[in-house]
Amino acid sequence: MLDGSDNAGTGPGMSFAMTLLEQHKQWAIGLVPAAVGGARIDLYKENGKLYDRSLMLLNAARKESPLKTEVKAILWLQGESDATKAGCLSYEQKLLDLVDRYRADLGTPELPFIACTIGSFLKSHKKLNQGEKINEILLSLPS
């Protein structure tokens, strides 16, 4: 689950899927990793490079799967690069717009959007020190 960026690591997808499989052994779960380390939320705006890429990956996975495939949820881990004083001011509205757009574009108005909080490792960073504010926003999202 590495994307090649030097600041990217593993995401929560695999442990999330394994936990679901422990509870629902009959399920088949596919993950469509679309993360790019260090990406700001602006890259996920309408017609944004990463938003379009994520939709392309989701649609390709649905088309190429030998099983009947549905997108059942979006698992989101992003926000470190927006954890600036200026970035966190507009983060909530951008994230709410993103959730609405995924639900509309995937044709699933009630699609669960599961947000993970970002780490506290940036707390002492000179500019990216608003992680607690980003986490408050992530935790307050309606699912």
N, C-alpha and C. Protein backbone atom coordinates (compact mmCIF):
# COMPACT_ATOMS: atom_id res chain seq x y z
N MET A 1 0.82 -1.18 0.00
CA MET A 1 0.00 0.00 0.00
C MET A 1 0.87 1.25 0.00
N LEU A 2 1.99 1.17 -0.64
CA LEU A 2 2.84 2.33 -0.80
C LEU A 2 2.60 2.92 -2.18
N ASP A 3 2.64 4.22 -2.29
CA ASP A 3 2.35 4.83 -3.58
C ASP A 3 3.59 5.39 -4.26
N GLY A 4 4.75 5.26 -3.65
CA GLY A 4 5.96 5.74 -4.28
C GLY A 4 6.40 7.10 -3.79
N SER A 5 5.54 7.85 -3.13
CA SER A 5 5.95 9.14 -2.58
C SER A 5 6.86 8.90 -1.39
N ASP A 6 7.85 9.75 -1.23
CA ASP A 6 8.80 9.52 -0.15
C ASP A 6 8.22 9.80 1.23
N ASN A 7 7.08 10.46 1.30
CA ASN A 7 6.47 10.73 2.59
C ASN A 7 5.22 9.90 2.84
N ALA A 8 5.00 8.90 2.02
CA ALA A 8 3.82 8.05 2.18
C ALA A 8 4.18 6.76 2.90
N GLY A 9 3.22 6.20 3.54
CA GLY A 9 3.42 4.93 4.22
C GLY A 9 2.22 4.04 4.01
N THR A 10 2.01 3.18 4.94
CA THR A 10 0.85 2.31 4.83
C THR A 10 -0.36 3.02 5.42
N GLY A 11 -1.49 2.73 4.88
CA GLY A 11 -2.73 3.34 5.35
C GLY A 11 -3.52 2.36 6.18
N PRO A 12 -4.72 2.76 6.57
CA PRO A 12 -5.56 1.94 7.44
C PRO A 12 -6.35 0.86 6.70
N GLY A 13 -6.27 0.80 5.39
CA GLY A 13 -7.13 -0.08 4.60
C GLY A 13 -7.05 -1.55 4.95
N MET A 14 -5.85 -2.09 5.03
CA MET A 14 -5.70 -3.52 5.26
C MET A 14 -6.20 -3.92 6.65
N SER A 15 -5.84 -3.17 7.68
CA SER A 15 -6.32 -3.54 9.02
C SER A 15 -7.83 -3.36 9.12
N PHE A 16 -8.37 -2.37 8.45
CA PHE A 16 -9.81 -2.17 8.41
C PHE A 16 -10.49 -3.38 7.77
N ALA A 17 -9.97 -3.81 6.62
CA ALA A 17 -10.55 -4.97 5.91
C ALA A 17 -10.43 -6.24 6.74
N MET A 18 -9.29 -6.44 7.39
CA MET A 18 -9.10 -7.64 8.21
C MET A 18 -10.09 -7.67 9.38
N THR A 19 -10.33 -6.52 9.99
CA THR A 19 -11.30 -6.45 11.09
C THR A 19 -12.70 -6.79 10.59
N LEU A 20 -13.07 -6.27 9.43
CA LEU A 20 -14.38 -6.61 8.85
C LEU A 20 -14.49 -8.10 8.55
N LEU A 21 -13.43 -8.68 8.01
CA LEU A 21 -13.45 -10.11 7.68
C LEU A 21 -13.56 -10.99 8.91
N GLU A 22 -12.99 -10.56 10.02
CA GLU A 22 -13.14 -11.33 11.26
C GLU A 22 -14.60 -11.39 11.68
N GLN A 23 -15.34 -10.33 11.42
CA GLN A 23 -16.74 -10.26 11.81
C GLN A 23 -17.69 -10.82 10.75
N HIS A 24 -17.26 -10.83 9.51
CA HIS A 24 -18.10 -11.26 8.39
C HIS A 24 -17.28 -12.16 7.47
N LYS A 25 -17.07 -13.38 7.90
CA LYS A 25 -16.17 -14.30 7.20
C LYS A 25 -16.63 -14.63 5.78
N GLN A 26 -17.91 -14.46 5.48
CA GLN A 26 -18.42 -14.80 4.15
C GLN A 26 -18.23 -13.67 3.14
N TRP A 27 -17.81 -12.51 3.59
CA TRP A 27 -17.65 -11.38 2.69
C TRP A 27 -16.39 -11.51 1.85
N ALA A 28 -16.44 -10.94 0.68
CA ALA A 28 -15.24 -10.71 -0.14
C ALA A 28 -15.01 -9.20 -0.13
N ILE A 29 -13.85 -8.80 0.31
CA ILE A 29 -13.55 -7.37 0.43
C ILE A 29 -12.40 -7.02 -0.50
N GLY A 30 -12.61 -6.02 -1.29
CA GLY A 30 -11.55 -5.50 -2.15
C GLY A 30 -11.21 -4.08 -1.73
N LEU A 31 -9.95 -3.77 -1.75
CA LEU A 31 -9.50 -2.42 -1.44
C LEU A 31 -9.02 -1.77 -2.73
N VAL A 32 -9.33 -0.50 -2.88
CA VAL A 32 -8.86 0.26 -4.04
C VAL A 32 -8.02 1.42 -3.50
N PRO A 33 -6.74 1.19 -3.24
CA PRO A 33 -5.90 2.26 -2.71
C PRO A 33 -5.74 3.38 -3.73
N ALA A 34 -6.07 4.58 -3.32
CA ALA A 34 -5.98 5.73 -4.22
C ALA A 34 -5.24 6.89 -3.57
N ALA A 35 -4.63 6.65 -2.43
CA ALA A 35 -3.97 7.72 -1.68
C ALA A 35 -2.67 8.15 -2.35
N VAL A 36 -2.36 9.41 -2.17
CA VAL A 36 -1.07 9.96 -2.58
C VAL A 36 -0.55 10.75 -1.38
N GLY A 37 0.57 10.31 -0.84
CA GLY A 37 1.13 10.95 0.35
C GLY A 37 1.42 12.43 0.14
N GLY A 38 1.09 13.21 1.15
CA GLY A 38 1.38 14.64 1.12
C GLY A 38 0.41 15.48 0.32
N ALA A 39 -0.69 14.89 -0.13
CA ALA A 39 -1.65 15.60 -0.98
C ALA A 39 -2.55 16.51 -0.15
N ARG A 40 -2.74 17.72 -0.63
CA ARG A 40 -3.69 18.64 -0.01
C ARG A 40 -5.09 18.33 -0.53
N ILE A 41 -6.09 18.70 0.25
CA ILE A 41 -7.47 18.40 -0.12
C ILE A 41 -7.88 19.10 -1.42
N ASP A 42 -7.21 20.20 -1.76
CA ASP A 42 -7.53 20.88 -3.01
C ASP A 42 -7.34 19.99 -4.24
N LEU A 43 -6.50 18.98 -4.14
CA LEU A 43 -6.30 18.06 -5.27
C LEU A 43 -7.48 17.12 -5.44
N TYR A 44 -8.41 17.14 -4.48
CA TYR A 44 -9.62 16.31 -4.55
C TYR A 44 -10.86 17.14 -4.87
N LYS A 45 -10.66 18.39 -5.29
CA LYS A 45 -11.82 19.21 -5.65
C LYS A 45 -12.45 18.68 -6.94
N GLU A 46 -13.61 19.21 -7.28
CA GLU A 46 -14.29 18.76 -8.50
C GLU A 46 -13.35 18.92 -9.69
N ASN A 47 -13.21 17.87 -10.47
CA ASN A 47 -12.28 17.81 -11.60
C ASN A 47 -10.82 17.94 -11.18
N GLY A 48 -10.55 17.75 -9.91
CA GLY A 48 -9.17 17.78 -9.44
C GLY A 48 -8.45 16.50 -9.83
N LYS A 49 -7.16 16.61 -9.96
CA LYS A 49 -6.33 15.49 -10.43
C LYS A 49 -6.53 14.22 -9.61
N LEU A 50 -6.49 14.32 -8.30
CA LEU A 50 -6.59 13.12 -7.46
C LEU A 50 -8.03 12.63 -7.32
N TYR A 51 -8.98 13.54 -7.37
CA TYR A 51 -10.38 13.11 -7.32
C TYR A 51 -10.71 12.30 -8.57
N ASP A 52 -10.35 12.84 -9.72
CA ASP A 52 -10.61 12.12 -10.97
C ASP A 52 -9.89 10.78 -11.00
N ARG A 53 -8.65 10.76 -10.50
CA ARG A 53 -7.89 9.51 -10.45
C ARG A 53 -8.57 8.48 -9.56
N SER A 54 -9.08 8.92 -8.41
CA SER A 54 -9.74 7.98 -7.50
C SER A 54 -11.00 7.40 -8.13
N LEU A 55 -11.78 8.23 -8.83
CA LEU A 55 -12.97 7.72 -9.51
C LEU A 55 -12.60 6.73 -10.61
N MET A 56 -11.54 7.03 -11.34
CA MET A 56 -11.09 6.13 -12.40
C MET A 56 -10.69 4.78 -11.81
N LEU A 57 -9.97 4.79 -10.69
CA LEU A 57 -9.56 3.54 -10.05
C LEU A 57 -10.76 2.76 -9.53
N LEU A 58 -11.72 3.45 -8.92
CA LEU A 58 -12.92 2.77 -8.42
C LEU A 58 -13.73 2.16 -9.56
N ASN A 59 -13.91 2.90 -10.62
CA ASN A 59 -14.68 2.39 -11.76
C ASN A 59 -13.96 1.23 -12.44
N ALA A 60 -12.65 1.31 -12.54
CA ALA A 60 -11.89 0.20 -13.14
C ALA A 60 -12.01 -1.05 -12.28
N ALA A 61 -11.95 -0.89 -10.97
CA ALA A 61 -12.08 -2.05 -10.07
C ALA A 61 -13.45 -2.68 -10.20
N ARG A 62 -14.48 -1.87 -10.29
CA ARG A 62 -15.84 -2.41 -10.45
C ARG A 62 -15.99 -3.13 -11.78
N LYS A 63 -15.42 -2.57 -12.82
CA LYS A 63 -15.56 -3.15 -14.16
C LYS A 63 -14.77 -4.45 -14.30
N GLU A 64 -13.59 -4.51 -13.74
CA GLU A 64 -12.69 -5.64 -13.97
C GLU A 64 -12.83 -6.77 -12.95
N SER A 65 -13.58 -6.56 -11.91
CA SER A 65 -13.75 -7.61 -10.90
C SER A 65 -14.59 -8.75 -11.46
N PRO A 66 -14.19 -9.99 -11.18
CA PRO A 66 -15.00 -11.13 -11.61
C PRO A 66 -16.26 -11.29 -10.77
N LEU A 67 -16.33 -10.61 -9.65
CA LEU A 67 -17.48 -10.67 -8.76
C LEU A 67 -18.37 -9.45 -8.96
N LYS A 68 -19.61 -9.56 -8.52
CA LYS A 68 -20.47 -8.38 -8.50
C LYS A 68 -19.86 -7.42 -7.49
N THR A 69 -19.48 -6.26 -7.94
CA THR A 69 -18.71 -5.34 -7.11
C THR A 69 -19.47 -4.05 -6.87
N GLU A 70 -19.49 -3.64 -5.62
CA GLU A 70 -20.11 -2.37 -5.24
C GLU A 70 -19.14 -1.63 -4.34
N VAL A 71 -19.15 -0.31 -4.44
CA VAL A 71 -18.40 0.51 -3.49
C VAL A 71 -19.28 0.62 -2.25
N LYS A 72 -18.80 0.10 -1.14
CA LYS A 72 -19.59 0.08 0.09
C LYS A 72 -19.22 1.20 1.06
N ALA A 73 -18.03 1.79 0.88
CA ALA A 73 -17.60 2.87 1.77
C ALA A 73 -16.35 3.52 1.20
N ILE A 74 -16.11 4.73 1.63
CA ILE A 74 -14.85 5.43 1.38
C ILE A 74 -14.14 5.50 2.72
N LEU A 75 -12.91 5.03 2.76
CA LEU A 75 -12.07 5.12 3.96
C LEU A 75 -11.05 6.22 3.70
N TRP A 76 -11.09 7.27 4.49
CA TRP A 76 -10.35 8.51 4.20
C TRP A 76 -9.29 8.76 5.26
N LEU A 77 -8.05 8.94 4.83
CA LEU A 77 -6.96 9.36 5.71
C LEU A 77 -6.18 10.43 4.96
N GLN A 78 -6.41 11.67 5.31
CA GLN A 78 -5.80 12.81 4.63
C GLN A 78 -5.94 14.00 5.55
N GLY A 79 -5.05 14.95 5.43
CA GLY A 79 -5.20 16.19 6.18
C GLY A 79 -3.91 16.78 6.69
N GLU A 80 -2.84 16.01 6.73
CA GLU A 80 -1.59 16.53 7.27
C GLU A 80 -1.14 17.79 6.53
N SER A 81 -1.22 17.78 5.21
CA SER A 81 -0.75 18.92 4.41
C SER A 81 -1.69 20.12 4.49
N ASP A 82 -2.87 19.93 5.05
CA ASP A 82 -3.81 21.03 5.24
C ASP A 82 -3.78 21.55 6.68
N ALA A 83 -2.89 21.02 7.50
CA ALA A 83 -2.86 21.36 8.93
C ALA A 83 -2.08 22.64 9.20
N THR A 84 -2.32 23.65 8.36
CA THR A 84 -1.75 24.98 8.58
C THR A 84 -2.86 25.87 9.13
N LYS A 85 -2.48 27.03 9.65
CA LYS A 85 -3.50 27.95 10.16
C LYS A 85 -4.48 28.33 9.07
N ALA A 86 -3.99 28.60 7.87
CA ALA A 86 -4.88 28.96 6.75
C ALA A 86 -5.62 27.74 6.22
N GLY A 87 -4.95 26.62 6.10
CA GLY A 87 -5.54 25.41 5.52
C GLY A 87 -6.71 24.87 6.32
N CYS A 88 -6.60 24.91 7.64
CA CYS A 88 -7.67 24.31 8.45
C CYS A 88 -8.93 25.16 8.46
N LEU A 89 -8.83 26.44 8.07
CA LEU A 89 -10.01 27.29 8.04
C LEU A 89 -11.02 26.86 6.98
N SER A 90 -10.54 26.37 5.85
CA SER A 90 -11.45 25.97 4.77
C SER A 90 -11.57 24.45 4.64
N TYR A 91 -10.86 23.70 5.47
CA TYR A 91 -10.82 22.25 5.33
C TYR A 91 -12.20 21.60 5.50
N GLU A 92 -12.95 22.04 6.50
CA GLU A 92 -14.24 21.41 6.77
C GLU A 92 -15.19 21.50 5.57
N GLN A 93 -15.33 22.68 5.00
CA GLN A 93 -16.25 22.84 3.87
C GLN A 93 -15.77 22.05 2.66
N LYS A 94 -14.47 22.05 2.42
CA LYS A 94 -13.93 21.28 1.30
C LYS A 94 -14.18 19.79 1.49
N LEU A 95 -14.05 19.32 2.71
CA LEU A 95 -14.27 17.90 3.00
C LEU A 95 -15.75 17.54 2.85
N LEU A 96 -16.63 18.39 3.36
CA LEU A 96 -18.07 18.14 3.21
C LEU A 96 -18.48 18.12 1.73
N ASP A 97 -17.92 19.04 0.95
CA ASP A 97 -18.19 19.05 -0.49
C ASP A 97 -17.68 17.76 -1.14
N LEU A 98 -16.52 17.30 -0.72
CA LEU A 98 -15.94 16.07 -1.26
C LEU A 98 -16.83 14.86 -0.97
N VAL A 99 -17.31 14.76 0.25
CA VAL A 99 -18.20 13.65 0.62
C VAL A 99 -19.44 13.67 -0.26
N ASP A 100 -20.05 14.84 -0.41
CA ASP A 100 -21.25 14.95 -1.26
C ASP A 100 -20.95 14.56 -2.71
N ARG A 101 -19.79 14.97 -3.20
CA ARG A 101 -19.42 14.68 -4.59
C ARG A 101 -19.20 13.19 -4.81
N TYR A 102 -18.48 12.53 -3.88
CA TYR A 102 -18.31 11.08 -4.01
C TYR A 102 -19.66 10.38 -4.02
N ARG A 103 -20.54 10.75 -3.12
CA ARG A 103 -21.85 10.10 -3.04
C ARG A 103 -22.64 10.32 -4.32
N ALA A 104 -22.59 11.52 -4.87
CA ALA A 104 -23.31 11.80 -6.11
C ALA A 104 -22.69 11.07 -7.30
N ASP A 105 -21.38 11.16 -7.42
CA ASP A 105 -20.72 10.56 -8.59
C ASP A 105 -20.75 9.03 -8.56
N LEU A 106 -20.82 8.45 -7.39
CA LEU A 106 -20.90 6.99 -7.29
C LEU A 106 -22.35 6.50 -7.23
N GLY A 107 -23.30 7.44 -7.24
CA GLY A 107 -24.71 7.07 -7.26
C GLY A 107 -25.20 6.41 -5.99
N THR A 108 -24.58 6.76 -4.86
CA THR A 108 -24.94 6.16 -3.58
C THR A 108 -25.07 7.28 -2.55
N PRO A 109 -26.26 7.87 -2.41
CA PRO A 109 -26.43 9.03 -1.54
C PRO A 109 -26.09 8.79 -0.06
N GLU A 110 -26.18 7.55 0.38
CA GLU A 110 -25.91 7.23 1.79
C GLU A 110 -24.56 6.53 1.97
N LEU A 111 -23.68 6.60 0.98
CA LEU A 111 -22.38 5.92 1.04
C LEU A 111 -21.63 6.33 2.31
N PRO A 112 -21.27 5.35 3.16
CA PRO A 112 -20.50 5.70 4.35
C PRO A 112 -19.14 6.30 3.98
N PHE A 113 -18.81 7.36 4.64
CA PHE A 113 -17.52 8.02 4.47
C PHE A 113 -16.84 7.96 5.83
N ILE A 114 -15.86 7.09 5.94
CA ILE A 114 -15.21 6.81 7.22
C ILE A 114 -13.88 7.55 7.26
N ALA A 115 -13.79 8.54 8.12
CA ALA A 115 -12.58 9.36 8.20
C ALA A 115 -11.71 8.91 9.36
N CYS A 116 -10.44 8.75 9.07
CA CYS A 116 -9.44 8.42 10.08
C CYS A 116 -8.75 9.72 10.51
N THR A 117 -8.37 9.81 11.75
CA THR A 117 -7.66 11.00 12.21
C THR A 117 -6.19 10.92 11.79
N ILE A 118 -5.59 12.10 11.67
CA ILE A 118 -4.18 12.16 11.31
C ILE A 118 -3.34 12.04 12.58
N GLY A 119 -2.08 11.69 12.41
CA GLY A 119 -1.18 11.49 13.55
C GLY A 119 -0.78 12.80 14.21
N SER A 120 -0.27 12.68 15.41
CA SER A 120 0.15 13.86 16.17
C SER A 120 1.61 14.21 15.94
N PHE A 121 2.27 13.53 15.02
CA PHE A 121 3.70 13.73 14.81
C PHE A 121 4.06 15.12 14.29
N LEU A 122 3.10 15.88 13.78
CA LEU A 122 3.37 17.21 13.25
C LEU A 122 3.19 18.32 14.29
N LYS A 123 2.85 17.97 15.49
CA LYS A 123 2.52 18.95 16.52
C LYS A 123 3.58 20.05 16.66
N SER A 124 4.84 19.68 16.55
CA SER A 124 5.92 20.66 16.72
C SER A 124 6.45 21.20 15.38
N HIS A 125 5.79 20.84 14.28
CA HIS A 125 6.21 21.33 12.96
C HIS A 125 5.99 22.84 12.90
N LYS A 126 6.87 23.54 12.21
CA LYS A 126 6.80 25.00 12.13
C LYS A 126 5.49 25.50 11.51
N LYS A 127 5.03 24.87 10.43
CA LYS A 127 3.83 25.33 9.73
C LYS A 127 2.65 24.37 9.83
N LEU A 128 2.91 23.07 9.79
CA LEU A 128 1.83 22.07 9.77
C LEU A 128 1.48 21.64 11.20
N ASN A 129 1.09 22.60 12.02
CA ASN A 129 0.89 22.32 13.45
C ASN A 129 -0.57 22.39 13.90
N GLN A 130 -1.49 22.30 12.96
CA GLN A 130 -2.91 22.39 13.30
C GLN A 130 -3.62 21.04 13.17
N GLY A 131 -2.89 19.97 13.43
CA GLY A 131 -3.45 18.63 13.32
C GLY A 131 -4.63 18.39 14.24
N GLU A 132 -4.59 18.96 15.44
CA GLU A 132 -5.72 18.78 16.36
C GLU A 132 -7.00 19.37 15.78
N LYS A 133 -6.88 20.52 15.13
CA LYS A 133 -8.05 21.15 14.50
C LYS A 133 -8.56 20.29 13.34
N ILE A 134 -7.64 19.77 12.52
CA ILE A 134 -8.04 18.88 11.42
C ILE A 134 -8.75 17.65 11.99
N ASN A 135 -8.21 17.08 13.07
CA ASN A 135 -8.84 15.90 13.67
C ASN A 135 -10.23 16.20 14.22
N GLU A 136 -10.41 17.38 14.80
CA GLU A 136 -11.75 17.77 15.26
C GLU A 136 -12.74 17.76 14.09
N ILE A 137 -12.30 18.27 12.96
CA ILE A 137 -13.15 18.30 11.76
C ILE A 137 -13.45 16.88 11.30
N LEU A 138 -12.41 16.05 11.23
CA LEU A 138 -12.60 14.67 10.78
C LEU A 138 -13.55 13.90 11.70
N LEU A 139 -13.42 14.12 13.00
CA LEU A 139 -14.27 13.41 13.96
C LEU A 139 -15.70 13.92 13.98
N SER A 140 -15.92 15.14 13.50
CA SER A 140 -17.27 15.70 13.52
C SER A 140 -18.06 15.43 12.24
N LEU A 141 -17.41 14.77 11.27
CA LEU A 141 -18.10 14.48 10.01
C LEU A 141 -19.32 13.61 10.23
N PRO A 142 -20.43 13.96 9.59
CA PRO A 142 -21.55 13.01 9.60
C PRO A 142 -21.16 11.84 8.70
N SER A 143 -21.41 10.62 9.15
CA SER A 143 -21.01 9.46 8.34
C SER A 143 -22.00 9.30 7.22
